[in-house]
Amino acid sequence: MEASSGMVTDASKIIAIEPEVIAFFDHGSNTFSYVARDPLSQTCAVIDSVLDFDYSSGTISYDSADAIIKYIQHHNLKVEWHIETHVHADHLSAGPYLQKQLGGKLAIGEHIVTVQETFGKIFNEGTDFQRDASQFDHLFKDGETYQIGKLQAKTIHTPGHTPACMVHVIGKSAFVGDTIFMPDSGTARADFPGGSAKQLYQSAQKILKLASDTKLYICHDYGGEGREVSYQTTVAEQRRENVHVGKDISENQFVAVREKRDSTLSTPRLMIPAIQVNMRAGHFPKAHENGVVYLKLPINSL
């Protein structure tokens, strides 16, 4: 767990207040969750929380989420937002658990409805599963501005990995979800249903157009040759060093590399349970008449 601070959002205006950013790492899914706090009002947002899930036994636990709760309560913070940068395929969201303990609004990008429609069919969810994003408290639109206490924040729609991906720019810090990774890891895959390598390239360009000293907070990292797992880089570093979209790599070059790479990748270990839960805003399906919750395993559908 580390804290850092940054500074700017809109290229046209300087923001005086900068967030304090605290990172939490889940080793099981190599996920970074964040608390972005306003130093003036002690208000904060939780970004991309993790629910611990043992796939082999179907058991959930709360160690990762409880670490966030402990930090927030210790520092007497008020949670305004539980933000999902997208519908994650590699971990389950702890949003509802944190919300029950801490309050705050559960939010995601408005294109979650596209993800719900796509995966509602894949998992044959029927009419009980609402595909109108009503499971969330707020749906962010592209370019929307909002507040975290006194902090000014703005959203950028960045589809390609999924249709609902959003980058959240808070001061001069940007939480990029899975759109791009650390420079030596490039970008996220674009072969999930609704994904697009062309869109992913265009979305990465939106990030690279932010101010060069904007700090970028990554959702996942697996380390690299000779380096430890890391969660923070800058726009300047990405422009200069990103192996997929840095320097003068063209859209056609990127699409060819990304699609070739994606064709070799296996399905993420937790994708099947994660999508079913995360498209419901972190809620599990309703329990059956025996009181047990079940998740589906579609055969030859992903």
C-alpha atoms as a PDB file:
ATOM      1  CA  MET A   1       0.000   0.000   0.000  1.00  0.00           C
ATOM      2  CA  GLU A   2       1.531   3.287  -1.085  1.00  0.00           C
ATOM      3  CA  ALA A   3       0.422   6.888  -1.368  1.00  0.00           C
ATOM      4  CA  SER A   4       1.278   9.365  -4.071  1.00  0.00           C
ATOM      5  CA  SER A   5      -0.066  12.625  -5.370  1.00  0.00           C
ATOM      6  CA  GLY A   6      -0.348  14.191  -8.771  1.00  0.00           C
ATOM      7  CA  MET A   7      -1.824  17.316 -10.581  1.00  0.00           C
ATOM      8  CA  VAL A   8      -4.050  18.517 -13.923  1.00  0.00           C
ATOM      9  CA  THR A   9      -7.045  17.088 -15.833  1.00  0.00           C
ATOM     10  CA  ASP A  10      -8.251  19.294 -18.643  1.00  0.00           C
ATOM     11  CA  ALA A  11      -5.502  20.515 -20.937  1.00  0.00           C
ATOM     12  CA  SER A  12      -7.221  23.912 -20.876  1.00  0.00           C
ATOM     13  CA  LYS A  13      -7.208  24.484 -17.122  1.00  0.00           C
ATOM     14  CA  ILE A  14      -4.954  24.017 -14.127  1.00  0.00           C
ATOM     15  CA  ILE A  15      -6.513  22.319 -11.137  1.00  0.00           C
ATOM     16  CA  ALA A  16      -5.177  23.465  -7.782  1.00  0.00           C
ATOM     17  CA  ILE A  17      -6.323  20.489  -5.707  1.00  0.00           C
ATOM     18  CA  GLU A  18      -4.683  17.147  -6.365  1.00  0.00           C
ATOM     19  CA  PRO A  19      -5.772  13.703  -5.130  1.00  0.00           C
ATOM     20  CA  GLU A  20      -3.875  11.580  -2.696  1.00  0.00           C
ATOM     21  CA  VAL A  21      -3.770   8.115  -4.267  1.00  0.00           C
ATOM     22  CA  ILE A  22      -3.412   4.944  -2.238  1.00  0.00           C
ATOM     23  CA  ALA A  23      -2.903   1.651  -4.062  1.00  0.00           C
ATOM     24  CA  PHE A  24      -3.958  -1.815  -2.856  1.00  0.00           C
ATOM     25  CA  PHE A  25      -2.634  -4.905  -4.633  1.00  0.00           C
ATOM     26  CA  ASP A  26      -4.457  -8.228  -4.902  1.00  0.00           C
ATOM     27  CA  HIS A  27      -1.877 -10.944  -5.607  1.00  0.00           C
ATOM     28  CA  GLY A  28      -4.482 -13.503  -6.682  1.00  0.00           C
ATOM     29  CA  SER A  29      -5.602 -11.487  -9.704  1.00  0.00           C
ATOM     30  CA  ASN A  30      -2.676  -9.035 -10.034  1.00  0.00           C
ATOM     31  CA  THR A  31      -5.180  -6.226  -9.627  1.00  0.00           C
ATOM     32  CA  PHE A  32      -4.553  -2.748  -8.264  1.00  0.00           C
ATOM     33  CA  SER A  33      -7.466  -1.083  -6.490  1.00  0.00           C
ATOM     34  CA  TYR A  34      -7.263   2.556  -5.512  1.00  0.00           C
ATOM     35  CA  VAL A  35      -8.553   5.039  -2.998  1.00  0.00           C
ATOM     36  CA  ALA A  36      -8.418   8.558  -4.440  1.00  0.00           C
ATOM     37  CA  ARG A  37      -8.931  11.035  -1.619  1.00  0.00           C
ATOM     38  CA  ASP A  38      -9.546  14.761  -1.505  1.00  0.00           C
ATOM     39  CA  PRO A  39      -7.032  16.191   1.004  1.00  0.00           C
ATOM     40  CA  LEU A  40      -9.318  19.126   1.838  1.00  0.00           C
ATOM     41  CA  SER A  41     -12.614  17.391   2.617  1.00  0.00           C
ATOM     42  CA  GLN A  42     -11.488  13.837   3.496  1.00  0.00           C
ATOM     43  CA  THR A  43     -13.860  12.593   0.804  1.00  0.00           C
ATOM     44  CA  CYS A  44     -12.750   9.752  -1.450  1.00  0.00           C
ATOM     45  CA  ALA A  45     -13.564   7.369  -4.277  1.00  0.00           C
ATOM     46  CA  VAL A  46     -12.769   3.654  -4.367  1.00  0.00           C
ATOM     47  CA  ILE A  47     -11.741   2.465  -7.831  1.00  0.00           C
ATOM     48  CA  ASP A  48     -11.804  -1.166  -9.047  1.00  0.00           C
ATOM     49  CA  SER A  49     -12.198  -3.037  -5.774  1.00  0.00           C
ATOM     50  CA  VAL A  50     -11.631  -6.807  -5.523  1.00  0.00           C
ATOM     51  CA  LEU A  51     -13.731  -9.565  -3.957  1.00  0.00           C
ATOM     52  CA  ASP A  52     -11.591 -12.582  -3.090  1.00  0.00           C
ATOM     53  CA  PHE A  53     -12.867 -15.686  -4.875  1.00  0.00           C
ATOM     54  CA  ASP A  54     -11.542 -19.240  -4.758  1.00  0.00           C
ATOM     55  CA  TYR A  55     -12.709 -20.750  -8.034  1.00  0.00           C
ATOM     56  CA  SER A  56     -11.926 -24.361  -7.104  1.00  0.00           C
ATOM     57  CA  SER A  57     -14.259 -24.285  -4.095  1.00  0.00           C
ATOM     58  CA  GLY A  58     -16.644 -21.474  -5.078  1.00  0.00           C
ATOM     59  CA  THR A  59     -15.784 -19.661  -1.848  1.00  0.00           C
ATOM     60  CA  ILE A  60     -15.763 -15.878  -1.454  1.00  0.00           C
ATOM     61  CA  SER A  61     -13.884 -13.914   1.197  1.00  0.00           C
ATOM     62  CA  TYR A  62     -13.192 -10.283   1.938  1.00  0.00           C
ATOM     63  CA  ASP A  63      -9.533  -9.770   2.844  1.00  0.00           C
ATOM     64  CA  SER A  64      -8.823  -7.405  -0.065  1.00  0.00           C
ATOM     65  CA  ALA A  65     -11.960  -5.352   0.538  1.00  0.00           C
ATOM     66  CA  ASP A  66     -11.433  -5.297   4.301  1.00  0.00           C
ATOM     67  CA  ALA A  67      -7.976  -3.768   3.811  1.00  0.00           C
ATOM     68  CA  ILE A  68      -9.639  -0.863   1.993  1.00  0.00           C
ATOM     69  CA  ILE A  69     -12.310  -0.543   4.688  1.00  0.00           C
ATOM     70  CA  LYS A  70      -9.656  -0.510   7.404  1.00  0.00           C
ATOM     71  CA  TYR A  71      -7.746   2.276   5.649  1.00  0.00           C
ATOM     72  CA  ILE A  72     -10.850   4.388   5.063  1.00  0.00           C
ATOM     73  CA  GLN A  73     -12.115   4.014   8.602  1.00  0.00           C
ATOM     74  CA  HIS A  74      -8.689   4.640  10.124  1.00  0.00           C
ATOM     75  CA  HIS A  75      -8.416   7.927   8.232  1.00  0.00           C
ATOM     76  CA  ASN A  76     -12.050   8.904   8.840  1.00  0.00           C
ATOM     77  CA  LEU A  77     -12.787   9.202   5.124  1.00  0.00           C
ATOM     78  CA  LYS A  78     -16.206   9.573   3.528  1.00  0.00           C
ATOM     79  CA  VAL A  79     -16.763   7.472   0.396  1.00  0.00           C
ATOM     80  CA  GLU A  80     -18.687   9.252  -2.355  1.00  0.00           C
ATOM     81  CA  TRP A  81     -18.064   6.794  -5.194  1.00  0.00           C
ATOM     82  CA  HIS A  82     -17.336   3.138  -5.859  1.00  0.00           C
ATOM     83  CA  ILE A  83     -16.115   3.304  -9.453  1.00  0.00           C
ATOM     84  CA  GLU A  84     -15.691   0.413 -11.873  1.00  0.00           C
ATOM     85  CA  THR A  85     -13.545   1.358 -14.861  1.00  0.00           C
ATOM     86  CA  HIS A  86     -15.209  -1.480 -16.806  1.00  0.00           C
ATOM     87  CA  VAL A  87     -16.754  -4.938 -16.395  1.00  0.00           C
ATOM     88  CA  HIS A  88     -13.698  -6.868 -15.297  1.00  0.00           C
ATOM     89  CA  ALA A  89     -12.988 -10.356 -16.587  1.00  0.00           C
ATOM     90  CA  ASP A  90     -10.179 -11.230 -14.192  1.00  0.00           C
ATOM     91  CA  HIS A  91     -11.603 -10.472 -10.762  1.00  0.00           C
ATOM     92  CA  LEU A  92     -14.948 -10.049  -9.026  1.00  0.00           C
ATOM     93  CA  SER A  93     -15.960  -6.606  -7.784  1.00  0.00           C
ATOM     94  CA  ALA A  94     -16.350  -5.954  -4.064  1.00  0.00           C
ATOM     95  CA  GLY A  95     -18.431  -2.849  -4.780  1.00  0.00           C
ATOM     96  CA  PRO A  96     -21.656  -3.941  -3.040  1.00  0.00           C
ATOM     97  CA  TYR A  97     -19.772  -5.205   0.021  1.00  0.00           C
ATOM     98  CA  LEU A  98     -17.856  -1.935   0.365  1.00  0.00           C
ATOM     99  CA  GLN A  99     -20.977   0.112  -0.293  1.00  0.00           C
ATOM    100  CA  LYS A 100     -22.847  -1.686   2.482  1.00  0.00           C
ATOM    101  CA  GLN A 101     -20.016  -0.956   4.917  1.00  0.00           C
ATOM    102  CA  LEU A 102     -19.108   2.556   3.803  1.00  0.00           C
ATOM    103  CA  GLY A 103     -21.943   4.098   1.768  1.00  0.00           C
ATOM    104  CA  GLY A 104     -21.341   5.879  -1.534  1.00  0.00           C
ATOM    105  CA  LYS A 105     -22.640   5.460  -5.084  1.00  0.00           C
ATOM    106  CA  LEU A 106     -21.766   2.480  -7.277  1.00  0.00           C
ATOM    107  CA  ALA A 107     -20.951   3.713 -10.793  1.00  0.00           C
ATOM    108  CA  ILE A 108     -19.733   2.572 -14.217  1.00  0.00           C
ATOM    109  CA  GLY A 109     -19.795   3.831 -17.815  1.00  0.00           C
ATOM    110  CA  GLU A 110     -23.162   4.020 -19.538  1.00  0.00           C
ATOM    111  CA  HIS A 111     -22.189   1.445 -22.163  1.00  0.00           C
ATOM    112  CA  ILE A 112     -22.529  -1.240 -19.527  1.00  0.00           C
ATOM    113  CA  VAL A 113     -25.913  -1.876 -21.164  1.00  0.00           C
ATOM    114  CA  THR A 114     -24.107  -3.181 -24.264  1.00  0.00           C
ATOM    115  CA  VAL A 115     -22.061  -5.558 -22.113  1.00  0.00           C
ATOM    116  CA  GLN A 116     -25.190  -6.705 -20.275  1.00  0.00           C
ATOM    117  CA  GLU A 117     -26.999  -7.390 -23.534  1.00  0.00           C
ATOM    118  CA  THR A 118     -24.066  -9.324 -25.007  1.00  0.00           C
ATOM    119  CA  PHE A 119     -23.304 -11.477 -21.973  1.00  0.00           C
ATOM    120  CA  GLY A 120     -26.938 -11.781 -20.957  1.00  0.00           C
ATOM    121  CA  LYS A 121     -27.354 -13.816 -24.142  1.00  0.00           C
ATOM    122  CA  ILE A 122     -24.129 -15.797 -23.692  1.00  0.00           C
ATOM    123  CA  PHE A 123     -25.172 -16.833 -20.174  1.00  0.00           C
ATOM    124  CA  ASN A 124     -28.834 -17.275 -21.171  1.00  0.00           C
ATOM    125  CA  GLU A 125     -29.972 -15.061 -18.297  1.00  0.00           C
ATOM    126  CA  GLY A 126     -33.589 -14.706 -19.398  1.00  0.00           C
ATOM    127  CA  THR A 127     -35.931 -11.906 -18.353  1.00  0.00           C
ATOM    128  CA  ASP A 128     -34.943 -11.927 -14.672  1.00  0.00           C
ATOM    129  CA  PHE A 129     -31.675 -10.231 -15.543  1.00  0.00           C
ATOM    130  CA  GLN A 130     -32.247  -6.535 -16.192  1.00  0.00           C
ATOM    131  CA  ARG A 131     -30.180  -5.188 -19.093  1.00  0.00           C
ATOM    132  CA  ASP A 132     -30.817  -1.504 -18.352  1.00  0.00           C
ATOM    133  CA  ALA A 133     -27.909  -0.950 -15.918  1.00  0.00           C
ATOM    134  CA  SER A 134     -30.402  -0.441 -13.083  1.00  0.00           C
ATOM    135  CA  GLN A 135     -28.065  -2.419 -10.811  1.00  0.00           C
ATOM    136  CA  PHE A 136     -25.804   0.662 -10.658  1.00  0.00           C
ATOM    137  CA  ASP A 137     -26.470   3.989  -8.928  1.00  0.00           C
ATOM    138  CA  HIS A 138     -24.878   6.140 -11.618  1.00  0.00           C
ATOM    139  CA  LEU A 139     -23.830   5.752 -15.258  1.00  0.00           C
ATOM    140  CA  PHE A 140     -21.003   7.976 -16.459  1.00  0.00           C
ATOM    141  CA  LYS A 141     -21.220   9.542 -19.897  1.00  0.00           C
ATOM    142  CA  ASP A 142     -18.225  10.376 -22.071  1.00  0.00           C
ATOM    143  CA  GLY A 143     -16.780  13.731 -21.035  1.00  0.00           C
ATOM    144  CA  GLU A 144     -18.850  13.935 -17.873  1.00  0.00           C
ATOM    145  CA  THR A 145     -17.445  15.979 -15.003  1.00  0.00           C
ATOM    146  CA  TYR A 146     -18.113  15.147 -11.368  1.00  0.00           C
ATOM    147  CA  GLN A 147     -16.785  15.886  -7.895  1.00  0.00           C
ATOM    148  CA  ILE A 148     -15.001  13.887  -5.215  1.00  0.00           C
ATOM    149  CA  GLY A 149     -15.295  16.357  -2.389  1.00  0.00           C
ATOM    150  CA  LYS A 150     -13.473  19.393  -3.774  1.00  0.00           C
ATOM    151  CA  LEU A 151     -11.643  17.368  -6.407  1.00  0.00           C
ATOM    152  CA  GLN A 152     -12.680  17.831 -10.009  1.00  0.00           C
ATOM    153  CA  ALA A 153     -12.912  14.683 -12.101  1.00  0.00           C
ATOM    154  CA  LYS A 154     -13.686  13.924 -15.742  1.00  0.00           C
ATOM    155  CA  THR A 155     -14.481  10.753 -17.682  1.00  0.00           C
ATOM    156  CA  ILE A 156     -13.147   9.580 -21.046  1.00  0.00           C
ATOM    157  CA  HIS A 157     -14.888   6.733 -22.870  1.00  0.00           C
ATOM    158  CA  THR A 158     -12.177   4.295 -24.004  1.00  0.00           C
ATOM    159  CA  PRO A 159     -13.786   1.264 -25.689  1.00  0.00           C
ATOM    160  CA  GLY A 160     -11.835  -1.540 -27.327  1.00  0.00           C
ATOM    161  CA  HIS A 161     -11.069  -3.881 -24.443  1.00  0.00           C
ATOM    162  CA  THR A 162     -14.787  -3.748 -23.580  1.00  0.00           C
ATOM    163  CA  PRO A 163     -17.530  -1.391 -24.810  1.00  0.00           C
ATOM    164  CA  ALA A 164     -17.948   0.124 -21.330  1.00  0.00           C
ATOM    165  CA  CYS A 165     -14.334   1.038 -20.530  1.00  0.00           C
ATOM    166  CA  MET A 166     -13.833   4.470 -18.974  1.00  0.00           C
ATOM    167  CA  VAL A 167     -10.754   6.414 -17.915  1.00  0.00           C
ATOM    168  CA  HIS A 168     -11.257   8.677 -14.900  1.00  0.00           C
ATOM    169  CA  VAL A 169      -9.062  11.773 -14.809  1.00  0.00           C
ATOM    170  CA  ILE A 170      -8.843  13.277 -11.328  1.00  0.00           C
ATOM    171  CA  GLY A 171      -6.582  16.291 -11.187  1.00  0.00           C
ATOM    172  CA  LYS A 172      -3.402  15.222 -12.949  1.00  0.00           C
ATOM    173  CA  SER A 173      -3.993  11.558 -12.206  1.00  0.00           C
ATOM    174  CA  ALA A 174      -5.767   9.196 -14.604  1.00  0.00           C
ATOM    175  CA  PHE A 175      -7.140   5.769 -13.705  1.00  0.00           C
ATOM    176  CA  VAL A 176      -6.956   3.865 -16.968  1.00  0.00           C
ATOM    177  CA  GLY A 177      -8.460   0.479 -16.128  1.00  0.00           C
ATOM    178  CA  ASP A 178      -7.307  -2.125 -18.646  1.00  0.00           C
ATOM    179  CA  THR A 179      -6.988   0.148 -21.669  1.00  0.00           C
ATOM    180  CA  ILE A 180      -3.216   0.348 -21.380  1.00  0.00           C
ATOM    181  CA  PHE A 181      -0.685  -1.327 -19.109  1.00  0.00           C
ATOM    182  CA  MET A 182       2.850  -0.478 -18.060  1.00  0.00           C
ATOM    183  CA  PRO A 183       4.901   0.526 -21.128  1.00  0.00           C
ATOM    184  CA  ASP A 184       6.679  -2.836 -21.472  1.00  0.00           C
ATOM    185  CA  SER A 185       3.325  -4.673 -21.392  1.00  0.00           C
ATOM    186  CA  GLY A 186       1.556  -2.526 -23.975  1.00  0.00           C
ATOM    187  CA  THR A 187      -2.228  -2.697 -23.982  1.00  0.00           C
ATOM    188  CA  ALA A 188      -5.091  -4.915 -22.940  1.00  0.00           C
ATOM    189  CA  ARG A 189      -6.474  -7.608 -25.206  1.00  0.00           C
ATOM    190  CA  ALA A 190      -9.312  -6.718 -27.566  1.00  0.00           C
ATOM    191  CA  ASP A 191     -10.830 -10.097 -28.421  1.00  0.00           C
ATOM    192  CA  PHE A 192     -13.613 -10.332 -25.845  1.00  0.00           C
ATOM    193  CA  PRO A 193     -17.199 -10.130 -27.171  1.00  0.00           C
ATOM    194  CA  GLY A 194     -17.740  -6.460 -28.045  1.00  0.00           C
ATOM    195  CA  GLY A 195     -14.004  -5.745 -28.155  1.00  0.00           C
ATOM    196  CA  SER A 196     -12.172  -4.096 -31.039  1.00  0.00           C
ATOM    197  CA  ALA A 197      -8.449  -3.639 -31.655  1.00  0.00           C
ATOM    198  CA  LYS A 198      -9.165  -0.595 -33.829  1.00  0.00           C
ATOM    199  CA  GLN A 199     -11.219   1.030 -31.081  1.00  0.00           C
ATOM    200  CA  LEU A 200      -8.572   0.146 -28.500  1.00  0.00           C
ATOM    201  CA  TYR A 201      -5.898   1.950 -30.520  1.00  0.00           C
ATOM    202  CA  GLN A 202      -8.085   5.036 -30.794  1.00  0.00           C
ATOM    203  CA  SER A 203      -8.821   4.923 -27.070  1.00  0.00           C
ATOM    204  CA  ALA A 204      -5.125   4.674 -26.247  1.00  0.00           C
ATOM    205  CA  GLN A 205      -4.547   7.802 -28.305  1.00  0.00           C
ATOM    206  CA  LYS A 206      -7.012   9.670 -26.096  1.00  0.00           C
ATOM    207  CA  ILE A 207      -4.876   8.800 -23.091  1.00  0.00           C
ATOM    208  CA  LEU A 208      -1.659   9.760 -24.860  1.00  0.00           C
ATOM    209  CA  LYS A 209      -3.119  13.199 -25.610  1.00  0.00           C
ATOM    210  CA  LEU A 210      -3.386  14.038 -21.915  1.00  0.00           C
ATOM    211  CA  ALA A 211      -0.723  16.332 -20.453  1.00  0.00           C
ATOM    212  CA  SER A 212       2.668  14.621 -20.613  1.00  0.00           C
ATOM    213  CA  ASP A 213       3.160  14.675 -16.825  1.00  0.00           C
ATOM    214  CA  THR A 214      -0.235  13.155 -16.063  1.00  0.00           C
ATOM    215  CA  LYS A 215       0.185  10.152 -13.773  1.00  0.00           C
ATOM    216  CA  LEU A 216      -1.457   6.984 -15.075  1.00  0.00           C
ATOM    217  CA  TYR A 217      -2.650   4.381 -12.580  1.00  0.00           C
ATOM    218  CA  ILE A 218      -2.812   0.875 -14.047  1.00  0.00           C
ATOM    219  CA  CYS A 219      -5.387  -1.741 -13.053  1.00  0.00           C
ATOM    220  CA  HIS A 220      -3.204  -4.811 -13.668  1.00  0.00           C
ATOM    221  CA  ASP A 221       0.473  -5.594 -13.844  1.00  0.00           C
ATOM    222  CA  TYR A 222       2.390  -8.857 -13.904  1.00  0.00           C
ATOM    223  CA  GLY A 223       5.889  -7.449 -13.714  1.00  0.00           C
ATOM    224  CA  GLY A 224       8.401  -7.714 -16.505  1.00  0.00           C
ATOM    225  CA  GLU A 225      11.903  -8.914 -17.151  1.00  0.00           C
ATOM    226  CA  GLY A 226      14.025  -7.438 -14.418  1.00  0.00           C
ATOM    227  CA  ARG A 227      11.348  -5.283 -12.787  1.00  0.00           C
ATOM    228  CA  GLU A 228       8.907  -5.580  -9.915  1.00  0.00           C
ATOM    229  CA  VAL A 229       5.143  -5.326 -10.256  1.00  0.00           C
ATOM    230  CA  SER A 230       4.242  -1.651 -10.656  1.00  0.00           C
ATOM    231  CA  TYR A 231       1.073   0.445 -10.864  1.00  0.00           C
ATOM    232  CA  GLN A 232       2.027   3.959 -11.914  1.00  0.00           C
ATOM    233  CA  THR A 233       3.526   5.504 -15.035  1.00  0.00           C
ATOM    234  CA  THR A 234       3.117   8.783 -16.934  1.00  0.00           C
ATOM    235  CA  VAL A 235       1.777   9.872 -20.294  1.00  0.00           C
ATOM    236  CA  ALA A 236       5.299  10.895 -21.321  1.00  0.00           C
ATOM    237  CA  GLU A 237       6.636   7.427 -20.537  1.00  0.00           C
ATOM    238  CA  GLN A 238       3.805   5.795 -22.452  1.00  0.00           C
ATOM    239  CA  ARG A 239       4.351   7.977 -25.510  1.00  0.00           C
ATOM    240  CA  ARG A 240       8.030   7.161 -25.487  1.00  0.00           C
ATOM    241  CA  GLU A 241       8.100   3.509 -24.441  1.00  0.00           C
ATOM    242  CA  ASN A 242       4.757   1.708 -24.812  1.00  0.00           C
ATOM    243  CA  VAL A 243       5.539  -1.332 -26.943  1.00  0.00           C
ATOM    244  CA  HIS A 244       2.112  -1.330 -28.623  1.00  0.00           C
ATOM    245  CA  VAL A 245       1.086   2.310 -29.030  1.00  0.00           C
ATOM    246  CA  GLY A 246       4.181   4.386 -28.226  1.00  0.00           C
ATOM    247  CA  LYS A 247       6.350   6.368 -30.638  1.00  0.00           C
ATOM    248  CA  ASP A 248       4.929   6.392 -34.176  1.00  0.00           C
ATOM    249  CA  ILE A 249       3.113   3.045 -34.247  1.00  0.00           C
ATOM    250  CA  SER A 250       0.206   3.305 -36.682  1.00  0.00           C
ATOM    251  CA  GLU A 251      -3.314   2.032 -36.192  1.00  0.00           C
ATOM    252  CA  ASN A 252      -2.843  -0.680 -38.836  1.00  0.00           C
ATOM    253  CA  GLN A 253       0.407  -1.818 -37.231  1.00  0.00           C
ATOM    254  CA  PHE A 254      -1.236  -1.961 -33.823  1.00  0.00           C
ATOM    255  CA  VAL A 255      -4.290  -3.887 -35.040  1.00  0.00           C
ATOM    256  CA  ALA A 256      -2.077  -6.497 -36.707  1.00  0.00           C
ATOM    257  CA  VAL A 257       0.072  -6.962 -33.592  1.00  0.00           C
ATOM    258  CA  ARG A 258      -2.877  -6.931 -31.174  1.00  0.00           C
ATOM    259  CA  GLU A 259      -4.985  -9.416 -33.124  1.00  0.00           C
ATOM    260  CA  LYS A 260      -2.032 -11.779 -33.607  1.00  0.00           C
ATOM    261  CA  ARG A 261      -1.253 -11.620 -29.914  1.00  0.00           C
ATOM    262  CA  ASP A 262      -4.901 -12.099 -28.887  1.00  0.00           C
ATOM    263  CA  SER A 263      -5.197 -15.239 -31.003  1.00  0.00           C
ATOM    264  CA  THR A 264      -2.653 -16.918 -28.714  1.00  0.00           C
ATOM    265  CA  LEU A 265      -4.263 -15.936 -25.382  1.00  0.00           C
ATOM    266  CA  SER A 266      -6.385 -18.242 -23.284  1.00  0.00           C
ATOM    267  CA  THR A 267      -9.575 -17.220 -21.500  1.00  0.00           C
ATOM    268  CA  PRO A 268      -8.826 -15.450 -18.196  1.00  0.00           C
ATOM    269  CA  ARG A 269      -9.058 -17.851 -15.247  1.00  0.00           C
ATOM    270  CA  LEU A 270     -11.922 -16.025 -13.534  1.00  0.00           C
ATOM    271  CA  MET A 271     -13.702 -14.677 -16.604  1.00  0.00           C
ATOM    272  CA  ILE A 272     -16.789 -16.901 -16.362  1.00  0.00           C
ATOM    273  CA  PRO A 273     -17.663 -16.090 -12.735  1.00  0.00           C
ATOM    274  CA  ALA A 274     -16.375 -12.509 -12.973  1.00  0.00           C
ATOM    275  CA  ILE A 275     -18.539 -11.450 -15.907  1.00  0.00           C
ATOM    276  CA  GLN A 276     -21.698 -12.944 -14.404  1.00  0.00           C
ATOM    277  CA  VAL A 277     -21.119 -11.045 -11.164  1.00  0.00           C
ATOM    278  CA  ASN A 278     -19.648  -7.796 -12.482  1.00  0.00           C
ATOM    279  CA  MET A 279     -22.344  -7.211 -15.093  1.00  0.00           C
ATOM    280  CA  ARG A 280     -24.703  -7.205 -12.088  1.00  0.00           C
ATOM    281  CA  ALA A 281     -22.668  -4.450 -10.384  1.00  0.00           C
ATOM    282  CA  GLY A 282     -20.870  -6.982  -8.192  1.00  0.00           C
ATOM    283  CA  HIS A 283     -24.024  -8.788  -7.092  1.00  0.00           C
ATOM    284  CA  PHE A 284     -24.403 -12.548  -7.438  1.00  0.00           C
ATOM    285  CA  PRO A 285     -27.447 -14.058  -9.171  1.00  0.00           C
ATOM    286  CA  LYS A 286     -30.433 -14.779  -6.945  1.00  0.00           C
ATOM    287  CA  ALA A 287     -30.206 -17.887  -4.800  1.00  0.00           C
ATOM    288  CA  HIS A 288     -32.235 -20.915  -5.895  1.00  0.00           C
ATOM    289  CA  GLU A 289     -35.057 -22.364  -3.836  1.00  0.00           C
ATOM    290  CA  ASN A 290     -32.505 -24.350  -1.819  1.00  0.00           C
ATOM    291  CA  GLY A 291     -30.826 -21.112  -0.748  1.00  0.00           C
ATOM    292  CA  VAL A 292     -27.667 -21.723  -2.811  1.00  0.00           C
ATOM    293  CA  VAL A 293     -26.293 -19.284  -5.409  1.00  0.00           C
ATOM    294  CA  TYR A 294     -25.154 -20.836  -8.704  1.00  0.00           C
ATOM    295  CA  LEU A 295     -23.052 -19.511 -11.584  1.00  0.00           C
ATOM    296  CA  LYS A 296     -23.313 -20.915 -15.103  1.00  0.00           C
ATOM    297  CA  LEU A 297     -20.600 -22.520 -17.218  1.00  0.00           C
ATOM    298  CA  PRO A 298     -21.445 -22.079 -20.919  1.00  0.00           C
ATOM    299  CA  ILE A 299     -19.855 -24.680 -23.160  1.00  0.00           C
ATOM    300  CA  ASN A 300     -18.112 -23.550 -26.376  1.00  0.00           C
ATOM    301  CA  SER A 301     -19.588 -20.055 -26.065  1.00  0.00           C
ATOM    302  CA  LEU A 302     -16.540 -17.910 -25.240  1.00  0.00           C
END
